[in-house]
Amino acid sequence: MSVSPSPLVVRSRRTRAGLVVASGMIAVAMLAGCAPEGPGGENATGTAAPTGTATDAPAPGPSAAPGNTATPAPEPAGTAVGITCDQLLTAEDVYTFNPNVGTAPDYSPTSGGTAATAAKYDGIACGLLNQSSGEVIEISVAVPNDVLMTQLKNAAVSGSTAVPTYGTPPAIDGFFSKSGDSGLAQVFSGKYWLTASSTAFVEPGEPLPLLKAAVSHLP
């Protein structure tokens, strides 16, 4: 004899079945909403996952203006003359001036003299010796820059006497001065500064033959 379930039992089974179905649908819905991201930051629905908030790149700041640099003042200088002592005054020039005069052996410019100044600024300093009297004649030539040339001319004008026989200005400006027992002749010819100094020079005309010969050999 079979026993039929009571109506109360049947309703209880149906209620449990409904709860199971509903729980399964909720679980499926939750899984769909939490799908993992795929390659490239996309989730399972194909929508790209946000990577952050875009911001504008900062504008470059103003470049610093170059600072003002002071231009250094020009300094006294000189350039090479391009000739030797033997070319400035040849043996014939020296013999014509005085047969007793020749090249001074072991010559070096007198400290503080014009020949030493010429040598300092890439010029040449030459020494001649009077073999009879023992007097030394210093001959020098230099090519000063504008700054040095102005300084030398100003010093000559203020401390010497102009000598027209040395040449015709403005092509050639000549000066003569005495300091103690030594006489100094200076000639400014174009870009050249030529000097001749010695205790043998008492008058402006005494170094004139050497000066004229030296000027004629300047490059």
N, C-alpha and C. Protein backbone atom coordinates (compact mmCIF):
# COMPACT_ATOMS: atom_id res chain seq x y z
N MET A 1 0.86 -1.16 0.00
CA MET A 1 0.00 0.00 0.00
C MET A 1 0.90 1.22 0.00
N SER A 2 0.74 2.11 -0.98
CA SER A 2 1.60 3.31 -1.09
C SER A 2 0.99 4.44 -0.33
N VAL A 3 1.92 5.27 0.21
CA VAL A 3 1.46 6.41 1.02
C VAL A 3 1.76 7.69 0.26
N SER A 4 0.76 8.45 -0.02
CA SER A 4 0.95 9.73 -0.75
C SER A 4 1.45 10.79 0.20
N PRO A 5 2.43 11.64 -0.30
CA PRO A 5 2.92 12.71 0.56
C PRO A 5 1.82 13.68 0.88
N SER A 6 1.91 14.19 2.02
CA SER A 6 0.90 15.15 2.42
C SER A 6 1.08 16.46 1.69
N PRO A 7 0.05 17.26 1.54
CA PRO A 7 0.18 18.57 0.86
C PRO A 7 1.23 19.43 1.49
N LEU A 8 1.44 19.37 2.75
CA LEU A 8 2.44 20.20 3.41
C LEU A 8 3.84 19.84 2.97
N VAL A 9 4.10 18.56 2.83
CA VAL A 9 5.42 18.12 2.37
C VAL A 9 5.67 18.57 0.96
N VAL A 10 4.67 18.48 0.09
CA VAL A 10 4.83 18.89 -1.33
C VAL A 10 5.17 20.36 -1.42
N ARG A 11 4.51 21.17 -0.67
CA ARG A 11 4.78 22.63 -0.71
C ARG A 11 6.21 22.92 -0.22
N SER A 12 6.65 22.17 0.77
CA SER A 12 7.99 22.40 1.30
C SER A 12 9.05 22.08 0.27
N ARG A 13 8.85 20.99 -0.50
CA ARG A 13 9.83 20.63 -1.54
C ARG A 13 9.87 21.68 -2.65
N ARG A 14 8.73 22.16 -3.03
CA ARG A 14 8.70 23.18 -4.10
C ARG A 14 9.40 24.46 -3.66
N THR A 15 9.21 24.80 -2.42
CA THR A 15 9.85 26.03 -1.90
C THR A 15 11.37 25.90 -1.94
N ARG A 16 11.90 24.72 -1.52
CA ARG A 16 13.35 24.52 -1.54
C ARG A 16 13.89 24.53 -2.96
N ALA A 17 13.12 23.95 -3.90
CA ALA A 17 13.58 23.95 -5.31
C ALA A 17 13.67 25.36 -5.85
N GLY A 18 12.67 26.16 -5.51
CA GLY A 18 12.69 27.55 -5.98
C GLY A 18 13.85 28.33 -5.43
N LEU A 19 14.17 28.10 -4.16
CA LEU A 19 15.31 28.79 -3.56
C LEU A 19 16.61 28.40 -4.23
N VAL A 20 16.76 27.12 -4.61
CA VAL A 20 17.99 26.67 -5.28
C VAL A 20 18.14 27.36 -6.61
N VAL A 21 17.06 27.41 -7.40
CA VAL A 21 17.12 28.05 -8.74
C VAL A 21 17.47 29.51 -8.60
N ALA A 22 16.81 30.19 -7.65
CA ALA A 22 17.08 31.62 -7.47
C ALA A 22 18.52 31.85 -7.07
N SER A 23 19.07 31.03 -6.18
CA SER A 23 20.47 31.19 -5.76
C SER A 23 21.41 31.00 -6.92
N GLY A 24 21.11 30.05 -7.80
CA GLY A 24 21.98 29.82 -8.96
C GLY A 24 21.97 31.00 -9.89
N MET A 25 20.81 31.63 -10.09
CA MET A 25 20.75 32.79 -11.00
C MET A 25 21.52 33.96 -10.43
N ILE A 26 21.45 34.16 -9.12
CA ILE A 26 22.20 35.27 -8.49
C ILE A 26 23.70 35.03 -8.63
N ALA A 27 24.13 33.81 -8.46
CA ALA A 27 25.57 33.51 -8.57
C ALA A 27 26.07 33.78 -9.97
N VAL A 28 25.26 33.37 -11.00
CA VAL A 28 25.66 33.61 -12.40
C VAL A 28 25.78 35.08 -12.67
N ALA A 29 24.82 35.86 -12.15
CA ALA A 29 24.85 37.31 -12.38
C ALA A 29 26.09 37.93 -11.74
N MET A 30 26.47 37.47 -10.56
CA MET A 30 27.65 38.00 -9.89
C MET A 30 28.92 37.66 -10.62
N LEU A 31 28.99 36.47 -11.16
CA LEU A 31 30.18 36.07 -11.91
C LEU A 31 30.31 36.88 -13.17
N ALA A 32 29.20 37.18 -13.83
CA ALA A 32 29.24 37.99 -15.06
C ALA A 32 29.74 39.38 -14.76
N GLY A 33 29.40 39.95 -13.63
CA GLY A 33 29.84 41.30 -13.29
C GLY A 33 31.27 41.37 -12.84
N CYS A 34 31.92 40.27 -12.52
CA CYS A 34 33.31 40.27 -12.03
C CYS A 34 34.23 39.55 -12.98
N ALA A 35 33.94 39.63 -14.26
CA ALA A 35 34.77 38.93 -15.25
C ALA A 35 36.17 39.48 -15.23
N PRO A 36 37.24 38.67 -15.34
CA PRO A 36 38.64 39.15 -15.32
C PRO A 36 38.98 39.90 -16.58
N GLU A 37 39.96 40.82 -16.46
CA GLU A 37 40.43 41.57 -17.62
C GLU A 37 41.18 40.66 -18.56
N GLY A 38 41.01 40.93 -19.83
CA GLY A 38 41.75 40.20 -20.84
C GLY A 38 42.99 40.96 -21.24
N PRO A 39 43.66 40.53 -22.29
CA PRO A 39 44.85 41.22 -22.78
C PRO A 39 44.51 42.65 -23.16
N GLY A 40 45.43 43.56 -22.93
CA GLY A 40 45.23 44.95 -23.30
C GLY A 40 44.34 45.69 -22.33
N GLY A 41 44.09 45.11 -21.16
CA GLY A 41 43.30 45.81 -20.17
C GLY A 41 41.81 45.72 -20.43
N GLU A 42 41.31 44.77 -21.31
CA GLU A 42 39.89 44.62 -21.58
C GLU A 42 39.32 43.54 -20.68
N ASN A 43 38.09 43.76 -20.25
CA ASN A 43 37.44 42.72 -19.47
C ASN A 43 36.70 41.78 -20.39
N ALA A 44 35.99 40.88 -19.85
CA ALA A 44 35.35 39.84 -20.65
C ALA A 44 34.29 40.40 -21.57
N THR A 45 33.77 41.58 -21.29
CA THR A 45 32.73 42.17 -22.16
C THR A 45 33.35 42.91 -23.33
N GLY A 46 34.70 43.04 -23.41
CA GLY A 46 35.35 43.75 -24.53
C GLY A 46 35.52 45.23 -24.26
N THR A 47 35.14 45.69 -23.09
CA THR A 47 35.28 47.11 -22.77
C THR A 47 36.62 47.34 -22.09
N ALA A 48 37.38 48.37 -22.59
CA ALA A 48 38.69 48.63 -22.01
C ALA A 48 38.56 49.13 -20.61
N ALA A 49 39.37 48.59 -19.73
CA ALA A 49 39.34 49.02 -18.34
C ALA A 49 40.05 50.36 -18.22
N PRO A 50 39.52 51.25 -17.40
CA PRO A 50 40.18 52.56 -17.25
C PRO A 50 41.56 52.40 -16.64
N THR A 51 42.51 53.19 -17.18
CA THR A 51 43.90 53.10 -16.71
C THR A 51 44.29 54.29 -15.86
N GLY A 52 43.47 55.21 -15.64
CA GLY A 52 43.82 56.39 -14.85
C GLY A 52 43.27 57.63 -15.51
N THR A 53 43.33 58.73 -14.85
CA THR A 53 42.83 59.99 -15.37
C THR A 53 43.91 60.69 -16.16
N ALA A 54 43.62 61.09 -17.42
CA ALA A 54 44.60 61.78 -18.27
C ALA A 54 44.80 63.20 -17.77
N THR A 55 46.04 63.62 -17.77
CA THR A 55 46.35 65.01 -17.37
C THR A 55 47.18 65.66 -18.44
N ASP A 56 47.06 66.96 -18.60
CA ASP A 56 47.85 67.69 -19.58
C ASP A 56 49.29 67.76 -19.13
N ALA A 57 50.25 67.61 -20.10
CA ALA A 57 51.67 67.73 -19.76
C ALA A 57 51.97 69.16 -19.39
N PRO A 58 52.85 69.39 -18.40
CA PRO A 58 53.16 70.77 -17.99
C PRO A 58 53.86 71.53 -19.12
N ALA A 59 53.45 72.76 -19.31
CA ALA A 59 54.06 73.60 -20.34
C ALA A 59 55.48 73.92 -19.94
N PRO A 60 56.41 73.91 -20.91
CA PRO A 60 57.81 74.23 -20.58
C PRO A 60 57.92 75.65 -20.06
N GLY A 61 58.76 75.82 -19.07
CA GLY A 61 58.95 77.16 -18.52
C GLY A 61 59.80 78.01 -19.44
N PRO A 62 59.82 79.29 -19.20
CA PRO A 62 60.60 80.18 -20.06
C PRO A 62 62.09 79.89 -19.93
N SER A 63 62.78 79.89 -21.07
CA SER A 63 64.22 79.62 -21.05
C SER A 63 64.95 80.82 -20.47
N ALA A 64 66.01 80.49 -19.76
CA ALA A 64 66.76 81.56 -19.11
C ALA A 64 67.51 82.37 -20.15
N ALA A 65 67.41 83.68 -20.05
CA ALA A 65 68.11 84.56 -20.98
C ALA A 65 69.59 84.51 -20.69
N PRO A 66 70.43 84.49 -21.74
CA PRO A 66 71.88 84.46 -21.49
C PRO A 66 72.33 85.69 -20.73
N GLY A 67 73.24 85.48 -19.80
CA GLY A 67 73.72 86.60 -19.01
C GLY A 67 74.60 87.53 -19.82
N ASN A 68 74.65 88.75 -19.44
CA ASN A 68 75.49 89.73 -20.11
C ASN A 68 76.95 89.49 -19.74
N THR A 69 77.80 89.33 -20.75
CA THR A 69 79.22 89.13 -20.50
C THR A 69 79.98 90.36 -20.96
N ALA A 70 80.80 90.88 -20.11
CA ALA A 70 81.55 92.09 -20.44
C ALA A 70 82.66 91.75 -21.43
N THR A 71 82.82 92.59 -22.44
CA THR A 71 83.87 92.40 -23.43
C THR A 71 85.19 92.89 -22.84
N PRO A 72 86.20 92.03 -22.78
CA PRO A 72 87.47 92.48 -22.19
C PRO A 72 88.10 93.59 -23.01
N ALA A 73 88.71 94.53 -22.32
CA ALA A 73 89.37 95.65 -23.01
C ALA A 73 90.60 95.14 -23.75
N PRO A 74 90.85 95.67 -24.95
CA PRO A 74 92.05 95.25 -25.70
C PRO A 74 93.32 95.54 -24.91
N GLU A 75 94.30 94.68 -25.04
CA GLU A 75 95.56 94.84 -24.33
C GLU A 75 96.69 95.07 -25.32
N PRO A 76 97.78 95.69 -24.87
CA PRO A 76 98.93 95.88 -25.75
C PRO A 76 99.47 94.55 -26.23
N ALA A 77 99.80 94.47 -27.50
CA ALA A 77 100.31 93.24 -28.09
C ALA A 77 101.09 93.59 -29.35
N GLY A 78 101.76 92.60 -29.89
CA GLY A 78 102.50 92.79 -31.12
C GLY A 78 102.54 91.52 -31.94
N THR A 79 102.92 91.63 -33.18
CA THR A 79 103.05 90.47 -34.06
C THR A 79 104.48 90.40 -34.59
N ALA A 80 104.84 89.23 -35.08
CA ALA A 80 106.21 89.01 -35.57
C ALA A 80 106.52 89.93 -36.74
N VAL A 81 107.73 90.41 -36.76
CA VAL A 81 108.16 91.33 -37.82
C VAL A 81 108.38 90.59 -39.13
N GLY A 82 108.95 89.41 -39.06
CA GLY A 82 109.18 88.62 -40.26
C GLY A 82 110.54 88.80 -40.90
N ILE A 83 111.46 89.49 -40.23
CA ILE A 83 112.82 89.63 -40.74
C ILE A 83 113.80 89.42 -39.59
N THR A 84 115.07 89.24 -39.94
CA THR A 84 116.12 89.05 -38.94
C THR A 84 116.95 90.33 -38.83
N CYS A 85 117.84 90.34 -37.84
CA CYS A 85 118.71 91.50 -37.67
C CYS A 85 119.61 91.73 -38.90
N ASP A 86 120.10 90.64 -39.49
CA ASP A 86 120.95 90.76 -40.68
C ASP A 86 120.19 91.32 -41.87
N GLN A 87 118.86 91.13 -41.89
CA GLN A 87 118.05 91.68 -42.96
C GLN A 87 117.63 93.12 -42.69
N LEU A 88 117.46 93.43 -41.41
CA LEU A 88 117.11 94.81 -41.06
C LEU A 88 118.25 95.76 -41.37
N LEU A 89 119.46 95.36 -41.00
CA LEU A 89 120.66 96.13 -41.33
C LEU A 89 121.71 95.16 -41.89
N THR A 90 122.03 95.31 -43.15
CA THR A 90 123.02 94.43 -43.77
C THR A 90 124.42 94.83 -43.33
N ALA A 91 125.36 93.95 -43.61
CA ALA A 91 126.76 94.26 -43.28
C ALA A 91 127.22 95.51 -44.02
N GLU A 92 126.73 95.70 -45.24
CA GLU A 92 127.09 96.90 -46.01
C GLU A 92 126.53 98.16 -45.36
N ASP A 93 125.26 98.05 -44.87
CA ASP A 93 124.65 99.20 -44.19
C ASP A 93 125.49 99.61 -42.98
N VAL A 94 125.90 98.62 -42.20
CA VAL A 94 126.65 98.90 -40.99
C VAL A 94 128.03 99.47 -41.33
N TYR A 95 128.70 98.93 -42.34
CA TYR A 95 130.03 99.42 -42.73
C TYR A 95 129.94 100.85 -43.25
N THR A 96 128.88 101.14 -43.99
CA THR A 96 128.70 102.50 -44.50
C THR A 96 128.50 103.48 -43.36
N PHE A 97 127.80 103.05 -42.33
CA PHE A 97 127.59 103.91 -41.17
C PHE A 97 128.92 104.19 -40.46
N ASN A 98 129.70 103.12 -40.20
CA ASN A 98 130.99 103.28 -39.54
C ASN A 98 131.78 102.00 -39.73
N PRO A 99 132.93 102.05 -40.38
CA PRO A 99 133.72 100.84 -40.62
C PRO A 99 134.16 100.14 -39.33
N ASN A 100 134.19 100.87 -38.22
CA ASN A 100 134.60 100.27 -36.95
C ASN A 100 133.46 99.55 -36.21
N VAL A 101 132.27 99.60 -36.77
CA VAL A 101 131.10 99.01 -36.11
C VAL A 101 130.77 97.67 -36.74
N GLY A 102 130.47 96.70 -35.90
CA GLY A 102 130.07 95.37 -36.36
C GLY A 102 129.06 94.76 -35.39
N THR A 103 128.71 93.53 -35.61
CA THR A 103 127.73 92.86 -34.76
C THR A 103 128.31 92.68 -33.34
N ALA A 104 127.51 92.99 -32.35
CA ALA A 104 127.94 92.85 -30.96
C ALA A 104 127.77 91.39 -30.53
N PRO A 105 128.87 90.73 -30.14
CA PRO A 105 128.75 89.32 -29.71
C PRO A 105 128.03 89.22 -28.36
N ASP A 106 127.24 88.15 -28.21
CA ASP A 106 126.53 87.87 -26.96
C ASP A 106 125.64 89.04 -26.53
N TYR A 107 125.03 89.70 -27.50
CA TYR A 107 124.19 90.86 -27.17
C TYR A 107 122.85 90.41 -26.58
N SER A 108 122.40 91.16 -25.59
CA SER A 108 121.04 91.01 -25.06
C SER A 108 120.50 92.41 -24.77
N PRO A 109 119.20 92.64 -24.99
CA PRO A 109 118.64 93.98 -24.81
C PRO A 109 118.80 94.49 -23.39
N THR A 110 119.06 95.79 -23.26
CA THR A 110 119.17 96.41 -21.95
C THR A 110 117.81 96.39 -21.27
N SER A 111 117.77 95.95 -20.04
CA SER A 111 116.51 95.85 -19.30
C SER A 111 115.84 97.21 -19.20
N GLY A 112 114.56 97.24 -19.53
CA GLY A 112 113.79 98.48 -19.46
C GLY A 112 113.95 99.38 -20.66
N GLY A 113 114.80 99.02 -21.61
CA GLY A 113 115.00 99.85 -22.78
C GLY A 113 113.98 99.56 -23.88
N THR A 114 114.03 100.36 -24.93
CA THR A 114 113.08 100.19 -26.04
C THR A 114 113.31 98.88 -26.79
N ALA A 115 114.57 98.44 -26.88
CA ALA A 115 114.85 97.16 -27.55
C ALA A 115 114.22 96.00 -26.78
N ALA A 116 114.28 96.07 -25.44
CA ALA A 116 113.66 95.02 -24.63
C ALA A 116 112.14 95.04 -24.79
N THR A 117 111.55 96.23 -24.90
CA THR A 117 110.11 96.34 -25.12
C THR A 117 109.72 95.74 -26.47
N ALA A 118 110.50 96.02 -27.50
CA ALA A 118 110.22 95.46 -28.82
C ALA A 118 110.28 93.94 -28.79
N ALA A 119 111.30 93.39 -28.14
CA ALA A 119 111.43 91.93 -28.05
C ALA A 119 110.27 91.33 -27.27
N LYS A 120 109.79 92.02 -26.26
CA LYS A 120 108.67 91.53 -25.45
C LYS A 120 107.41 91.35 -26.30
N TYR A 121 107.25 92.19 -27.29
CA TYR A 121 106.05 92.14 -28.13
C TYR A 121 106.35 91.54 -29.51
N ASP A 122 107.15 90.49 -29.53
CA ASP A 122 107.44 89.70 -30.74
C ASP A 122 108.25 90.45 -31.79
N GLY A 123 108.91 91.53 -31.40
CA GLY A 123 109.79 92.23 -32.33
C GLY A 123 111.19 91.66 -32.28
N ILE A 124 112.14 92.34 -32.91
CA ILE A 124 113.53 91.90 -32.88
C ILE A 124 114.39 93.00 -32.27
N ALA A 125 115.44 92.60 -31.56
CA ALA A 125 116.39 93.51 -30.95
C ALA A 125 117.79 93.12 -31.43
N CYS A 126 118.51 94.08 -31.97
CA CYS A 126 119.82 93.81 -32.57
C CYS A 126 120.88 94.69 -31.90
N GLY A 127 122.07 94.14 -31.74
CA GLY A 127 123.14 94.88 -31.10
C GLY A 127 124.34 95.06 -32.02
N LEU A 128 124.85 96.29 -32.06
CA LEU A 128 126.06 96.61 -32.82
C LEU A 128 127.12 97.11 -31.84
N LEU A 129 128.38 96.84 -32.16
CA LEU A 129 129.48 97.22 -31.27
C LEU A 129 130.52 98.03 -32.03
N ASN A 130 130.83 99.18 -31.46
CA ASN A 130 131.94 99.97 -31.99
C ASN A 130 133.22 99.40 -31.39
N GLN A 131 134.00 98.76 -32.24
CA GLN A 131 135.17 98.03 -31.75
C GLN A 131 136.28 98.96 -31.28
N SER A 132 136.17 100.24 -31.64
CA SER A 132 137.18 101.21 -31.17
C SER A 132 136.81 101.79 -29.82
N SER A 133 135.56 102.23 -29.67
CA SER A 133 135.15 102.89 -28.44
C SER A 133 134.49 101.93 -27.45
N GLY A 134 134.03 100.76 -27.92
CA GLY A 134 133.33 99.83 -27.05
C GLY A 134 131.86 100.18 -26.84
N GLU A 135 131.37 101.20 -27.52
CA GLU A 135 129.97 101.60 -27.37
C GLU A 135 129.05 100.63 -28.11
N VAL A 136 127.96 100.31 -27.48
CA VAL A 136 126.96 99.42 -28.07
C VAL A 136 125.80 100.24 -28.61
N ILE A 137 125.34 99.86 -29.79
CA ILE A 137 124.17 100.49 -30.40
C ILE A 137 123.06 99.44 -30.45
N GLU A 138 121.92 99.78 -29.89
CA GLU A 138 120.77 98.88 -29.90
C GLU A 138 119.76 99.34 -30.96
N ILE A 139 119.45 98.42 -31.86
CA ILE A 139 118.47 98.68 -32.92
C ILE A 139 117.32 97.69 -32.73
N SER A 140 116.10 98.19 -32.79
CA SER A 140 114.95 97.29 -32.63
C SER A 140 113.81 97.71 -33.55
N VAL A 141 112.95 96.74 -33.84
CA VAL A 141 111.75 97.01 -34.63
C VAL A 141 110.66 96.07 -34.16
N ALA A 142 109.44 96.59 -34.11
CA ALA A 142 108.29 95.80 -33.67
C ALA A 142 107.07 96.20 -34.48
N VAL A 143 106.06 95.35 -34.43
CA VAL A 143 104.77 95.61 -35.09
C VAL A 143 103.70 95.64 -33.99
N PRO A 144 103.47 96.79 -33.37
CA PRO A 144 102.51 96.86 -32.27
C PRO A 144 101.06 96.83 -32.78
N ASN A 145 100.15 96.37 -31.91
CA ASN A 145 98.74 96.51 -32.24
C ASN A 145 98.31 97.95 -31.98
N ASP A 146 97.06 98.28 -32.23
CA ASP A 146 96.62 99.67 -32.11
C ASP A 146 96.80 100.21 -30.69
N VAL A 147 96.53 99.37 -29.70
CA VAL A 147 96.65 99.81 -28.31
C VAL A 147 98.09 100.17 -27.98
N LEU A 148 99.00 99.27 -28.31
CA LEU A 148 100.41 99.51 -28.01
C LEU A 148 100.97 100.65 -28.85
N MET A 149 100.58 100.73 -30.11
CA MET A 149 101.07 101.81 -30.97
C MET A 149 100.66 103.17 -30.41
N THR A 150 99.43 103.28 -29.94
CA THR A 150 98.96 104.54 -29.36
C THR A 150 99.77 104.90 -28.12
N GLN A 151 100.04 103.91 -27.27
CA GLN A 151 100.82 104.16 -26.07
C GLN A 151 102.23 104.63 -26.41
N LEU A 152 102.85 103.97 -27.39
CA LEU A 152 104.23 104.31 -27.75
C LEU A 152 104.31 105.71 -28.38
N LYS A 153 103.34 106.02 -29.24
CA LYS A 153 103.35 107.35 -29.88
C LYS A 153 103.11 108.45 -28.85
N ASN A 154 102.17 108.21 -27.94
CA ASN A 154 101.90 109.22 -26.91
C ASN A 154 103.13 109.46 -26.05
N ALA A 155 103.84 108.40 -25.71
CA ALA A 155 105.05 108.54 -24.91
C ALA A 155 106.13 109.30 -25.68
N ALA A 156 106.24 109.02 -26.98
CA ALA A 156 107.24 109.71 -27.80
C ALA A 156 106.91 111.20 -27.93
N VAL A 157 105.65 111.51 -28.14
CA VAL A 157 105.24 112.91 -28.30
C VAL A 157 105.48 113.69 -27.02
N SER A 158 105.16 113.07 -25.88
CA SER A 158 105.26 113.79 -24.61
C SER A 158 106.69 113.84 -24.06
N GLY A 159 107.55 112.89 -24.46
CA GLY A 159 108.88 112.85 -23.86
C GLY A 159 110.02 113.05 -24.84
N SER A 160 109.72 113.39 -26.10
CA SER A 160 110.78 113.52 -27.10
C SER A 160 110.56 114.76 -27.95
N THR A 161 111.52 115.01 -28.80
CA THR A 161 111.43 116.13 -29.75
C THR A 161 111.25 115.57 -31.15
N ALA A 162 110.26 116.10 -31.88
CA ALA A 162 110.02 115.65 -33.25
C ALA A 162 111.22 116.00 -34.13
N VAL A 163 111.58 115.06 -35.02
CA VAL A 163 112.73 115.25 -35.91
C VAL A 163 112.25 115.06 -37.36
N PRO A 164 112.02 116.13 -38.09
CA PRO A 164 111.50 116.01 -39.47
C PRO A 164 112.46 115.29 -40.42
N THR A 165 113.77 115.33 -40.13
CA THR A 165 114.72 114.70 -41.05
C THR A 165 114.62 113.18 -41.04
N TYR A 166 113.96 112.61 -40.05
CA TYR A 166 113.79 111.15 -40.02
C TYR A 166 112.76 110.69 -41.05
N GLY A 167 111.91 111.57 -41.49
CA GLY A 167 110.89 111.22 -42.47
C GLY A 167 109.79 112.25 -42.48
N THR A 168 108.92 112.14 -43.47
CA THR A 168 107.84 113.11 -43.63
C THR A 168 106.55 112.58 -43.01
N PRO A 169 106.02 113.30 -42.00
CA PRO A 169 104.72 112.88 -41.42
C PRO A 169 103.61 113.06 -42.47
N PRO A 170 102.52 112.28 -42.43
CA PRO A 170 102.26 111.24 -41.43
C PRO A 170 102.83 109.87 -41.82
N ALA A 171 103.47 109.77 -43.00
CA ALA A 171 104.02 108.47 -43.41
C ALA A 171 105.08 108.01 -42.42
N ILE A 172 105.92 108.94 -41.99
CA ILE A 172 106.97 108.63 -41.02
C ILE A 172 107.01 109.73 -39.97
N ASP A 173 106.91 109.33 -38.71
CA ASP A 173 107.04 110.27 -37.60
C ASP A 173 108.33 109.93 -36.86
N GLY A 174 109.23 110.93 -36.72
CA GLY A 174 110.51 110.71 -36.06
C GLY A 174 110.66 111.53 -34.79
N PHE A 175 111.33 110.94 -33.79
CA PHE A 175 111.51 111.62 -32.51
C PHE A 175 112.90 111.29 -31.96
N PHE A 176 113.43 112.24 -31.16
CA PHE A 176 114.72 112.01 -30.51
C PHE A 176 114.64 112.55 -29.09
N SER A 177 115.30 111.78 -28.17
CA SER A 177 115.34 112.21 -26.78
C SER A 177 116.65 111.77 -26.15
N LYS A 178 117.01 112.42 -25.02
CA LYS A 178 118.21 112.05 -24.27
C LYS A 178 117.80 111.64 -22.87
N SER A 179 118.43 110.57 -22.38
CA SER A 179 118.23 110.13 -21.00
C SER A 179 119.61 109.81 -20.44
N GLY A 180 120.12 110.71 -19.60
CA GLY A 180 121.49 110.57 -19.11
C GLY A 180 122.47 110.74 -20.25
N ASP A 181 123.36 109.75 -20.43
CA ASP A 181 124.35 109.82 -21.51
C ASP A 181 123.87 109.18 -22.80
N SER A 182 122.67 108.57 -22.78
CA SER A 182 122.20 107.79 -23.94
C SER A 182 121.17 108.59 -24.74
N GLY A 183 121.31 108.51 -26.06
CA GLY A 183 120.35 109.13 -26.95
C GLY A 183 119.43 108.06 -27.55
N LEU A 184 118.16 108.41 -27.74
CA LEU A 184 117.17 107.47 -28.28
C LEU A 184 116.47 108.09 -29.47
N ALA A 185 116.53 107.40 -30.60
CA ALA A 185 115.81 107.81 -31.81
C ALA A 185 114.65 106.83 -32.03
N GLN A 186 113.48 107.37 -32.37
CA GLN A 186 112.31 106.54 -32.64
C GLN A 186 111.68 106.95 -33.96
N VAL A 187 111.28 105.94 -34.72
CA VAL A 187 110.61 106.18 -36.01
C VAL A 187 109.35 105.32 -36.06
N PHE A 188 108.24 105.97 -36.37
CA PHE A 188 106.97 105.27 -36.59
C PHE A 188 106.69 105.32 -38.08
N SER A 189 106.77 104.17 -38.71
CA SER A 189 106.59 104.07 -40.16
C SER A 189 105.52 103.03 -40.46
N GLY A 190 104.33 103.49 -40.81
CA GLY A 190 103.23 102.56 -41.05
C GLY A 190 102.92 101.77 -39.79
N LYS A 191 103.00 100.45 -39.89
CA LYS A 191 102.70 99.59 -38.74
C LYS A 191 103.93 99.30 -37.88
N TYR A 192 105.09 99.87 -38.25
CA TYR A 192 106.34 99.54 -37.57
C TYR A 192 106.76 100.62 -36.57
N TRP A 193 107.40 100.14 -35.51
CA TRP A 193 108.04 101.01 -34.52
C TRP A 193 109.52 100.66 -34.51
N LEU A 194 110.36 101.59 -34.94
CA LEU A 194 111.80 101.38 -35.08
C LEU A 194 112.53 102.28 -34.10
N THR A 195 113.53 101.71 -33.40
CA THR A 195 114.30 102.52 -32.45
C THR A 195 115.79 102.26 -32.61
N ALA A 196 116.56 103.26 -32.19
CA ALA A 196 118.02 103.15 -32.16
C ALA A 196 118.50 103.93 -30.94
N SER A 197 119.24 103.25 -30.06
CA SER A 197 119.69 103.93 -28.83
C SER A 197 121.14 103.58 -28.56
N SER A 198 121.88 104.57 -28.03
CA SER A 198 123.30 104.36 -27.72
C SER A 198 123.85 105.60 -27.03
N THR A 199 124.92 105.38 -26.27
CA THR A 199 125.64 106.52 -25.72
C THR A 199 126.40 107.26 -26.83
N ALA A 200 126.49 106.62 -28.00
CA ALA A 200 127.16 107.26 -29.13
C ALA A 200 126.29 108.32 -29.79
N PHE A 201 125.00 108.33 -29.45
CA PHE A 201 124.07 109.28 -30.09
C PHE A 201 123.86 110.48 -29.17
N VAL A 202 124.50 111.56 -29.55
CA VAL A 202 124.35 112.81 -28.79
C VAL A 202 123.39 113.75 -29.50
N GLU A 203 123.43 113.73 -30.81
CA GLU A 203 122.58 114.60 -31.62
C GLU A 203 121.60 113.74 -32.45
N PRO A 204 120.43 114.30 -32.83
CA PRO A 204 119.44 113.54 -33.60
C PRO A 204 119.97 113.03 -34.93
N GLY A 205 120.94 113.73 -35.54
CA GLY A 205 121.41 113.33 -36.85
C GLY A 205 122.35 112.13 -36.83
N GLU A 206 122.92 111.78 -35.68
CA GLU A 206 123.91 110.71 -35.63
C GLU A 206 123.34 109.32 -35.95
N PRO A 207 122.15 108.93 -35.50
CA PRO A 207 121.61 107.62 -35.88
C PRO A 207 120.90 107.61 -37.23
N LEU A 208 120.82 108.77 -37.90
CA LEU A 208 120.02 108.87 -39.13
C LEU A 208 120.40 107.87 -40.21
N PRO A 209 121.70 107.62 -40.52
CA PRO A 209 122.02 106.65 -41.57
C PRO A 209 121.49 105.24 -41.27
N LEU A 210 121.58 104.84 -40.00
CA LEU A 210 121.07 103.52 -39.63
C LEU A 210 119.54 103.46 -39.75
N LEU A 211 118.88 104.52 -39.34
CA LEU A 211 117.42 104.55 -39.41
C LEU A 211 116.92 104.47 -40.85
N LYS A 212 117.53 105.24 -41.72
CA LYS A 212 117.10 105.23 -43.13
C LYS A 212 117.33 103.87 -43.77
N ALA A 213 118.46 103.26 -43.46
CA ALA A 213 118.74 101.94 -44.02
C ALA A 213 117.73 100.90 -43.48
N ALA A 214 117.45 100.96 -42.19
CA ALA A 214 116.51 100.01 -41.60
C ALA A 214 115.09 100.18 -42.17
N VAL A 215 114.64 101.41 -42.33
CA VAL A 215 113.30 101.67 -42.89
C VAL A 215 113.20 101.10 -44.31
N SER A 216 114.27 101.20 -45.05
CA SER A 216 114.23 100.72 -46.45
C SER A 216 114.12 99.20 -46.53
N HIS A 217 114.46 98.50 -45.44
CA HIS A 217 114.40 97.03 -45.45
C HIS A 217 113.15 96.46 -44.76
N LEU A 218 112.29 97.31 -44.28
CA LEU A 218 111.09 96.82 -43.62
C LEU A 218 110.18 96.14 -44.64
N PRO A 219 109.57 95.00 -44.29
CA PRO A 219 108.73 94.27 -45.25
C PRO A 219 107.54 95.12 -45.73
